[in-house]
Amino acid sequence: MMNYAAGLTCSTCGKKILEKDLIAWTEKNNVVHLICDTVQISEGVRFMGRAEELNEQFL
C-alpha cells in the first residue's frame, strides 16, 4: 500500500491527498483532486480513481 504519510499533495490546492480521495495523475506527473482541476486533467491522464488504487495500478 502506498505510504500516504509521505505526503502526496494536490498540485492545485496544496492539500494532502487522502486514501479515499478521487484523484488524477497527469502525464506531466501532477497529482490533483478531481474537484480541483480539470485543466491539468485535459493535458493527459495516466490514472484516474481513488488514491488508494494508484499503488495497485502501477506497482
PDB file of N, CA and C in Angstrom:
ATOM      1  N   MET A   1       0.838  -1.185   0.000  1.00  0.00           N
ATOM      2  CA  MET A   1       0.000   0.000   0.000  1.00  0.00           C
ATOM      3  C   MET A   1       0.882   1.247   0.000  1.00  0.00           C
ATOM      4  N   MET A   2       0.443   2.258  -0.692  1.00  0.00           N
ATOM      5  CA  MET A   2       1.194   3.500  -0.788  1.00  0.00           C
ATOM      6  C   MET A   2       1.271   4.184   0.575  1.00  0.00           C
ATOM      7  N   ASN A   3       2.381   4.785   0.881  1.00  0.00           N
ATOM      8  CA  ASN A   3       2.567   5.469   2.147  1.00  0.00           C
ATOM      9  C   ASN A   3       2.055   6.899   2.036  1.00  0.00           C
ATOM     10  N   TYR A   4       0.840   7.148   2.489  1.00  0.00           N
ATOM     11  CA  TYR A   4       0.244   8.478   2.397  1.00  0.00           C
ATOM     12  C   TYR A   4       0.867   9.443   3.399  1.00  0.00           C
ATOM     13  N   ALA A   5       1.517   8.915   4.433  1.00  0.00           N
ATOM     14  CA  ALA A   5       2.209   9.779   5.384  1.00  0.00           C
ATOM     15  C   ALA A   5       3.372  10.496   4.713  1.00  0.00           C
ATOM     16  N   ALA A   6       3.869   9.936   3.619  1.00  0.00           N
ATOM     17  CA  ALA A   6       4.972  10.560   2.889  1.00  0.00           C
ATOM     18  C   ALA A   6       4.547  11.880   2.276  1.00  0.00           C
ATOM     19  N   GLY A   7       3.261  12.077   2.088  1.00  0.00           N
ATOM     20  CA  GLY A   7       2.779  13.391   1.724  1.00  0.00           C
ATOM     21  C   GLY A   7       2.467  13.661   0.271  1.00  0.00           C
ATOM     22  N   LEU A   8       1.645  12.855  -0.375  1.00  0.00           N
ATOM     23  CA  LEU A   8       1.136  13.246  -1.685  1.00  0.00           C
ATOM     24  C   LEU A   8       0.244  14.463  -1.488  1.00  0.00           C
ATOM     25  N   THR A   9       0.475  15.498  -2.271  1.00  0.00           N
ATOM     26  CA  THR A   9      -0.364  16.688  -2.172  1.00  0.00           C
ATOM     27  C   THR A   9      -0.913  17.057  -3.537  1.00  0.00           C
ATOM     28  N   CYS A  10      -2.075  17.662  -3.533  1.00  0.00           N
ATOM     29  CA  CYS A  10      -2.717  18.119  -4.758  1.00  0.00           C
ATOM     30  C   CYS A  10      -1.911  19.288  -5.310  1.00  0.00           C
ATOM     31  N   SER A  11      -1.550  19.223  -6.585  1.00  0.00           N
ATOM     32  CA  SER A  11      -0.733  20.292  -7.163  1.00  0.00           C
ATOM     33  C   SER A  11      -1.541  21.561  -7.414  1.00  0.00           C
ATOM     34  N   THR A  12      -2.862  21.504  -7.252  1.00  0.00           N
ATOM     35  CA  THR A  12      -3.695  22.687  -7.429  1.00  0.00           C
ATOM     36  C   THR A  12      -4.000  23.370  -6.102  1.00  0.00           C
ATOM     37  N   CYS A  13      -4.563  22.622  -5.149  1.00  0.00           N
ATOM     38  CA  CYS A  13      -4.982  23.251  -3.886  1.00  0.00           C
ATOM     39  C   CYS A  13      -3.932  23.140  -2.789  1.00  0.00           C
ATOM     40  N   GLY A  14      -2.957  22.241  -2.945  1.00  0.00           N
ATOM     41  CA  GLY A  14      -1.901  22.093  -1.954  1.00  0.00           C
ATOM     42  C   GLY A  14      -2.280  21.249  -0.750  1.00  0.00           C
ATOM     43  N   LYS A  15      -3.506  20.711  -0.730  1.00  0.00           N
ATOM     44  CA  LYS A  15      -3.934  19.889   0.401  1.00  0.00           C
ATOM     45  C   LYS A  15      -3.445  18.454   0.226  1.00  0.00           C
ATOM     46  N   LYS A  16      -3.306  17.781   1.354  1.00  0.00           N
ATOM     47  CA  LYS A  16      -2.848  16.396   1.376  1.00  0.00           C
ATOM     48  C   LYS A  16      -3.848  15.491   0.654  1.00  0.00           C
ATOM     49  N   ILE A  17      -3.337  14.543  -0.124  1.00  0.00           N
ATOM     50  CA  ILE A  17      -4.168  13.534  -0.779  1.00  0.00           C
ATOM     51  C   ILE A  17      -4.433  12.424   0.233  1.00  0.00           C
ATOM     52  N   LEU A  18      -5.685  12.175   0.509  1.00  0.00           N
ATOM     53  CA  LEU A  18      -6.064  11.112   1.433  1.00  0.00           C
ATOM     54  C   LEU A  18      -6.403   9.850   0.653  1.00  0.00           C
ATOM     55  N   GLU A  19      -6.379   8.728   1.343  1.00  0.00           N
ATOM     56  CA  GLU A  19      -6.550   7.419   0.730  1.00  0.00           C
ATOM     57  C   GLU A  19      -7.823   7.299  -0.109  1.00  0.00           C
ATOM     58  N   LYS A  20      -8.917   7.867   0.334  1.00  0.00           N
ATOM     59  CA  LYS A  20     -10.209   7.716  -0.351  1.00  0.00           C
ATOM     60  C   LYS A  20     -10.515   8.863  -1.312  1.00  0.00           C
ATOM     61  N   ASP A  21      -9.606   9.813  -1.480  1.00  0.00           N
ATOM     62  CA  ASP A  21      -9.837  10.944  -2.382  1.00  0.00           C
ATOM     63  C   ASP A  21      -9.874  10.485  -3.833  1.00  0.00           C
ATOM     64  N   LEU A  22     -10.724  11.128  -4.627  1.00  0.00           N
ATOM     65  CA  LEU A  22     -10.744  10.894  -6.069  1.00  0.00           C
ATOM     66  C   LEU A  22      -9.689  11.789  -6.693  1.00  0.00           C
ATOM     67  N   ILE A  23      -8.753  11.173  -7.416  1.00  0.00           N
ATOM     68  CA  ILE A  23      -7.611  11.919  -7.943  1.00  0.00           C
ATOM     69  C   ILE A  23      -7.352  11.580  -9.404  1.00  0.00           C
ATOM     70  N   ALA A  24      -6.506  12.382 -10.007  1.00  0.00           N
ATOM     71  CA  ALA A  24      -5.961  12.074 -11.327  1.00  0.00           C
ATOM     72  C   ALA A  24      -4.461  12.296 -11.261  1.00  0.00           C
ATOM     73  N   TRP A  25      -3.713  11.414 -11.899  1.00  0.00           N
ATOM     74  CA  TRP A  25      -2.266  11.564 -12.055  1.00  0.00           C
ATOM     75  C   TRP A  25      -2.067  11.879 -13.519  1.00  0.00           C
ATOM     76  N   THR A  26      -1.543  13.053 -13.817  1.00  0.00           N
ATOM     77  CA  THR A  26      -1.473  13.523 -15.197  1.00  0.00           C
ATOM     78  C   THR A  26      -0.179  13.103 -15.880  1.00  0.00           C
ATOM     79  N   GLU A  27      -0.150  13.271 -17.196  1.00  0.00           N
ATOM     80  CA  GLU A  27       1.043  12.961 -17.993  1.00  0.00           C
ATOM     81  C   GLU A  27       2.243  13.806 -17.561  1.00  0.00           C
ATOM     82  N   LYS A  28       1.989  14.974 -16.988  1.00  0.00           N
ATOM     83  CA  LYS A  28       3.074  15.838 -16.513  1.00  0.00           C
ATOM     84  C   LYS A  28       3.453  15.528 -15.066  1.00  0.00           C
ATOM     85  N   ASN A  29       3.026  14.348 -14.579  1.00  0.00           N
ATOM     86  CA  ASN A  29       3.331  13.869 -13.225  1.00  0.00           C
ATOM     87  C   ASN A  29       2.808  14.768 -12.125  1.00  0.00           C
ATOM     88  N   ASN A  30       1.658  15.372 -12.342  1.00  0.00           N
ATOM     89  CA  ASN A  30       0.963  16.110 -11.298  1.00  0.00           C
ATOM     90  C   ASN A  30      -0.143  15.228 -10.750  1.00  0.00           C
ATOM     91  N   VAL A  31      -0.352  15.293  -9.451  1.00  0.00           N
ATOM     92  CA  VAL A  31      -1.475  14.603  -8.831  1.00  0.00           C
ATOM     93  C   VAL A  31      -2.444  15.680  -8.377  1.00  0.00           C
ATOM     94  N   VAL A  32      -3.701  15.561  -8.813  1.00  0.00           N
ATOM     95  CA  VAL A  32      -4.713  16.566  -8.473  1.00  0.00           C
ATOM     96  C   VAL A  32      -5.990  15.883  -8.007  1.00  0.00           C
ATOM     97  N   HIS A  33      -6.699  16.550  -7.081  1.00  0.00           N
ATOM     98  CA  HIS A  33      -8.055  16.114  -6.753  1.00  0.00           C
ATOM     99  C   HIS A  33      -8.922  16.362  -7.984  1.00  0.00           C
ATOM    100  N   LEU A  34      -9.834  15.464  -8.286  1.00  0.00           N
ATOM    101  CA  LEU A  34     -10.698  15.650  -9.452  1.00  0.00           C
ATOM    102  C   LEU A  34     -11.532  16.917  -9.343  1.00  0.00           C
ATOM    103  N   ILE A  35     -11.919  17.308  -8.131  1.00  0.00           N
ATOM    104  CA  ILE A  35     -12.748  18.504  -7.982  1.00  0.00           C
ATOM    105  C   ILE A  35     -11.935  19.791  -8.068  1.00  0.00           C
ATOM    106  N   CYS A  36     -10.628  19.705  -8.013  1.00  0.00           N
ATOM    107  CA  CYS A  36      -9.789  20.909  -8.009  1.00  0.00           C
ATOM    108  C   CYS A  36      -9.399  21.396  -9.394  1.00  0.00           C
ATOM    109  N   ASP A  37      -9.132  20.497 -10.302  1.00  0.00           N
ATOM    110  CA  ASP A  37      -8.533  20.959 -11.550  1.00  0.00           C
ATOM    111  C   ASP A  37      -8.843  20.048 -12.724  1.00  0.00           C
ATOM    112  N   THR A  38      -9.619  20.550 -13.650  1.00  0.00           N
ATOM    113  CA  THR A  38      -9.882  19.785 -14.867  1.00  0.00           C
ATOM    114  C   THR A  38      -8.962  20.211 -15.993  1.00  0.00           C
ATOM    115  N   VAL A  39      -8.280  21.346 -15.861  1.00  0.00           N
ATOM    116  CA  VAL A  39      -7.357  21.803 -16.899  1.00  0.00           C
ATOM    117  C   VAL A  39      -6.180  20.843 -17.003  1.00  0.00           C
ATOM    118  N   GLN A  40      -5.564  20.502 -15.873  1.00  0.00           N
ATOM    119  CA  GLN A  40      -4.436  19.577 -15.893  1.00  0.00           C
ATOM    120  C   GLN A  40      -4.868  18.199 -16.368  1.00  0.00           C
ATOM    121  N   ILE A  41      -6.091  17.816 -16.043  1.00  0.00           N
ATOM    122  CA  ILE A  41      -6.583  16.508 -16.458  1.00  0.00           C
ATOM    123  C   ILE A  41      -6.664  16.430 -17.979  1.00  0.00           C
ATOM    124  N   SER A  42      -7.013  17.538 -18.620  1.00  0.00           N
ATOM    125  CA  SER A  42      -7.123  17.534 -20.083  1.00  0.00           C
ATOM    126  C   SER A  42      -5.758  17.450 -20.761  1.00  0.00           C
ATOM    127  N   GLU A  43      -4.671  17.624 -20.006  1.00  0.00           N
ATOM    128  CA  GLU A  43      -3.318  17.508 -20.548  1.00  0.00           C
ATOM    129  C   GLU A  43      -2.907  16.051 -20.722  1.00  0.00           C
ATOM    130  N   GLY A  44      -3.724  15.140 -20.301  1.00  0.00           N
ATOM    131  CA  GLY A  44      -3.427  13.713 -20.396  1.00  0.00           C
ATOM    132  C   GLY A  44      -3.415  13.087 -19.020  1.00  0.00           C
ATOM    133  N   VAL A  45      -4.000  11.923 -18.908  1.00  0.00           N
ATOM    134  CA  VAL A  45      -4.146  11.274 -17.612  1.00  0.00           C
ATOM    135  C   VAL A  45      -3.524   9.888 -17.656  1.00  0.00           C
ATOM    136  N   ARG A  46      -2.689   9.600 -16.681  1.00  0.00           N
ATOM    137  CA  ARG A  46      -2.115   8.258 -16.522  1.00  0.00           C
ATOM    138  C   ARG A  46      -3.020   7.398 -15.652  1.00  0.00           C
ATOM    139  N   PHE A  47      -3.699   8.031 -14.705  1.00  0.00           N
ATOM    140  CA  PHE A  47      -4.547   7.317 -13.757  1.00  0.00           C
ATOM    141  C   PHE A  47      -5.650   8.242 -13.288  1.00  0.00           C
ATOM    142  N   MET A  48      -6.853   7.692 -13.121  1.00  0.00           N
ATOM    143  CA  MET A  48      -7.952   8.435 -12.526  1.00  0.00           C
ATOM    144  C   MET A  48      -8.724   7.466 -11.644  1.00  0.00           C
ATOM    145  N   GLY A  49      -8.923   7.824 -10.386  1.00  0.00           N
ATOM    146  CA  GLY A  49      -9.649   6.958  -9.463  1.00  0.00           C
ATOM    147  C   GLY A  49      -9.335   7.331  -8.030  1.00  0.00           C
ATOM    148  N   ARG A  50      -9.565   6.403  -7.124  1.00  0.00           N
ATOM    149  CA  ARG A  50      -9.272   6.626  -5.708  1.00  0.00           C
ATOM    150  C   ARG A  50      -7.767   6.535  -5.481  1.00  0.00           C
ATOM    151  N   ALA A  51      -7.281   7.376  -4.604  1.00  0.00           N
ATOM    152  CA  ALA A  51      -5.846   7.423  -4.321  1.00  0.00           C
ATOM    153  C   ALA A  51      -5.311   6.064  -3.890  1.00  0.00           C
ATOM    154  N   GLU A  52      -6.090   5.314  -3.122  1.00  0.00           N
ATOM    155  CA  GLU A  52      -5.629   4.012  -2.633  1.00  0.00           C
ATOM    156  C   GLU A  52      -5.386   3.022  -3.772  1.00  0.00           C
ATOM    157  N   GLU A  53      -5.996   3.245  -4.937  1.00  0.00           N
ATOM    158  CA  GLU A  53      -5.835   2.343  -6.076  1.00  0.00           C
ATOM    159  C   GLU A  53      -4.614   2.679  -6.923  1.00  0.00           C
ATOM    160  N   LEU A  54      -4.021   3.841  -6.724  1.00  0.00           N
ATOM    161  CA  LEU A  54      -2.869   4.264  -7.517  1.00  0.00           C
ATOM    162  C   LEU A  54      -1.720   3.276  -7.385  1.00  0.00           C
ATOM    163  N   ASN A  55      -1.412   2.867  -6.187  1.00  0.00           N
ATOM    164  CA  ASN A  55      -0.334   1.919  -5.940  1.00  0.00           C
ATOM    165  C   ASN A  55      -0.613   0.581  -6.620  1.00  0.00           C
ATOM    166  N   GLU A  56      -1.855   0.118  -6.575  1.00  0.00           N
ATOM    167  CA  GLU A  56      -2.216  -1.167  -7.164  1.00  0.00           C
ATOM    168  C   GLU A  56      -2.079  -1.140  -8.686  1.00  0.00           C
ATOM    169  N   GLN A  57      -2.342  -0.007  -9.310  1.00  0.00           N
ATOM    170  CA  GLN A  57      -2.306   0.118 -10.761  1.00  0.00           C
ATOM    171  C   GLN A  57      -0.887   0.088 -11.322  1.00  0.00           C
ATOM    172  N   PHE A  58       0.061   0.695 -10.624  1.00  0.00           N
ATOM    173  CA  PHE A  58       1.367   0.945 -11.218  1.00  0.00           C
ATOM    174  C   PHE A  58       2.527   0.212 -10.592  1.00  0.00           C
ATOM    175  N   LEU A  59       2.312  -0.515  -9.530  1.00  0.00           N
ATOM    176  CA  LEU A  59       3.420  -1.254  -8.916  1.00  0.00           C
ATOM    177  C   LEU A  59       3.213  -2.737  -9.046  1.00  0.00           C
TER     178      LEU A  59
END
